[in-house]
Amino acid sequence: MKIKTSITLSDEILKAIDLHIGAYRSRSEFLETAARFFIEQLKKKEAEQRDLEIINKNADTLNSEADDVLGYQIPI
């Protein structure tokens, strides 16, 4: 379901949208696509941050396991 809304954009942004609108049927479609893309990027960034926190929380254990595994390698 689409909901009509009103937003205020700078003239510079509006001109850039119009310049790059290409295959999009309208400014609304362009902005919705841009917003979806940006939201997906935010979700990825949040997931990466959670992953990094988990890795950092377990860094000592992971490093210890890596050192142990490397100890089984034979010199080349």
C-alpha atoms as a PDB file:
ATOM      1  CA  MET A   1       0.000   0.000   0.000  1.00  0.00           C
ATOM      2  CA  LYS A   2       1.325   3.410  -0.933  1.00  0.00           C
ATOM      3  CA  ILE A   3       0.775   6.433   1.284  1.00  0.00           C
ATOM      4  CA  LYS A   4       0.975   9.911  -0.142  1.00  0.00           C
ATOM      5  CA  THR A   5       3.353  12.140   1.782  1.00  0.00           C
ATOM      6  CA  SER A   6       5.033  15.470   1.385  1.00  0.00           C
ATOM      7  CA  ILE A   7       8.776  16.054   1.764  1.00  0.00           C
ATOM      8  CA  THR A   8      10.995  19.068   1.339  1.00  0.00           C
ATOM      9  CA  LEU A   9      14.144  18.692  -0.744  1.00  0.00           C
ATOM     10  CA  SER A  10      16.798  21.158  -1.745  1.00  0.00           C
ATOM     11  CA  ASP A  11      16.814  22.407  -5.309  1.00  0.00           C
ATOM     12  CA  GLU A  12      20.209  20.728  -5.766  1.00  0.00           C
ATOM     13  CA  ILE A  13      18.824  17.288  -4.842  1.00  0.00           C
ATOM     14  CA  LEU A  14      15.768  17.735  -7.041  1.00  0.00           C
ATOM     15  CA  LYS A  15      17.946  18.640 -10.030  1.00  0.00           C
ATOM     16  CA  ALA A  16      20.169  15.599  -9.374  1.00  0.00           C
ATOM     17  CA  ILE A  17      17.103  13.331  -9.222  1.00  0.00           C
ATOM     18  CA  ASP A  18      15.779  14.749 -12.463  1.00  0.00           C
ATOM     19  CA  LEU A  19      19.196  14.301 -14.066  1.00  0.00           C
ATOM     20  CA  HIS A  20      19.411  10.629 -13.031  1.00  0.00           C
ATOM     21  CA  ILE A  21      15.752   9.621 -13.176  1.00  0.00           C
ATOM     22  CA  GLY A  22      16.334   7.524 -16.309  1.00  0.00           C
ATOM     23  CA  ALA A  23      14.084   4.458 -16.393  1.00  0.00           C
ATOM     24  CA  TYR A  24      12.165   5.407 -13.250  1.00  0.00           C
ATOM     25  CA  ARG A  25       8.594   6.433 -13.935  1.00  0.00           C
ATOM     26  CA  SER A  26       8.539   9.254 -11.420  1.00  0.00           C
ATOM     27  CA  ARG A  27      10.439  11.058  -8.715  1.00  0.00           C
ATOM     28  CA  SER A  28       8.451   9.029  -6.195  1.00  0.00           C
ATOM     29  CA  GLU A  29       9.622   5.752  -7.692  1.00  0.00           C
ATOM     30  CA  PHE A  30      13.196   7.035  -7.815  1.00  0.00           C
ATOM     31  CA  LEU A  31      13.104   8.148  -4.166  1.00  0.00           C
ATOM     32  CA  GLU A  32      11.448   4.933  -2.989  1.00  0.00           C
ATOM     33  CA  THR A  33      14.124   2.877  -4.746  1.00  0.00           C
ATOM     34  CA  ALA A  34      16.858   5.054  -3.251  1.00  0.00           C
ATOM     35  CA  ALA A  35      15.335   4.771   0.228  1.00  0.00           C
ATOM     36  CA  ARG A  36      15.056   0.963  -0.047  1.00  0.00           C
ATOM     37  CA  PHE A  37      18.690   0.735  -1.140  1.00  0.00           C
ATOM     38  CA  PHE A  38      19.823   2.990   1.710  1.00  0.00           C
ATOM     39  CA  ILE A  39      17.807   1.026   4.277  1.00  0.00           C
ATOM     40  CA  GLU A  40      19.357  -2.240   3.033  1.00  0.00           C
ATOM     41  CA  GLN A  41      22.807  -0.688   3.410  1.00  0.00           C
ATOM     42  CA  LEU A  42      21.945   0.331   6.980  1.00  0.00           C
ATOM     43  CA  LYS A  43      20.759  -3.217   7.765  1.00  0.00           C
ATOM     44  CA  LYS A  44      23.989  -4.675   6.381  1.00  0.00           C
ATOM     45  CA  LYS A  45      26.049  -2.219   8.398  1.00  0.00           C
ATOM     46  CA  GLU A  46      24.128  -3.124  11.566  1.00  0.00           C
ATOM     47  CA  ALA A  47      24.636  -6.856  10.907  1.00  0.00           C
ATOM     48  CA  GLU A  48      28.350  -6.320  10.281  1.00  0.00           C
ATOM     49  CA  GLN A  49      28.597  -4.352  13.536  1.00  0.00           C
ATOM     50  CA  ARG A  50      26.872  -7.187  15.448  1.00  0.00           C
ATOM     51  CA  ASP A  51      29.229  -9.715  13.834  1.00  0.00           C
ATOM     52  CA  LEU A  52      32.249  -7.610  14.741  1.00  0.00           C
ATOM     53  CA  GLU A  53      31.070  -7.371  18.338  1.00  0.00           C
ATOM     54  CA  ILE A  54      30.724 -11.169  18.489  1.00  0.00           C
ATOM     55  CA  ILE A  55      34.180 -11.677  16.978  1.00  0.00           C
ATOM     56  CA  ASN A  56      35.749  -9.149  19.353  1.00  0.00           C
ATOM     57  CA  LYS A  57      33.983 -10.731  22.321  1.00  0.00           C
ATOM     58  CA  ASN A  58      35.486 -14.111  21.372  1.00  0.00           C
ATOM     59  CA  ALA A  59      38.818 -12.850  20.009  1.00  0.00           C
ATOM     60  CA  ASP A  60      40.996 -14.395  22.717  1.00  0.00           C
ATOM     61  CA  THR A  61      39.467 -17.849  22.251  1.00  0.00           C
ATOM     62  CA  LEU A  62      39.591 -17.615  18.449  1.00  0.00           C
ATOM     63  CA  ASN A  63      43.220 -16.470  18.496  1.00  0.00           C
ATOM     64  CA  SER A  64      44.155 -19.277  20.872  1.00  0.00           C
ATOM     65  CA  GLU A  65      42.521 -21.842  18.572  1.00  0.00           C
ATOM     66  CA  ALA A  66      44.311 -20.371  15.546  1.00  0.00           C
ATOM     67  CA  ASP A  67      47.659 -20.556  17.342  1.00  0.00           C
ATOM     68  CA  ASP A  68      46.961 -24.171  18.236  1.00  0.00           C
ATOM     69  CA  VAL A  69      46.118 -25.092  14.635  1.00  0.00           C
ATOM     70  CA  LEU A  70      49.216 -23.310  13.318  1.00  0.00           C
ATOM     71  CA  GLY A  71      51.289 -25.412  15.687  1.00  0.00           C
ATOM     72  CA  TYR A  72      50.389 -28.513  13.681  1.00  0.00           C
ATOM     73  CA  GLN A  73      51.808 -27.145  10.424  1.00  0.00           C
ATOM     74  CA  ILE A  74      55.099 -28.459   9.186  1.00  0.00           C
ATOM     75  CA  PRO A  75      57.747 -26.020   7.978  1.00  0.00           C
ATOM     76  CA  ILE A  76      58.073 -25.705   4.231  1.00  0.00           C
END
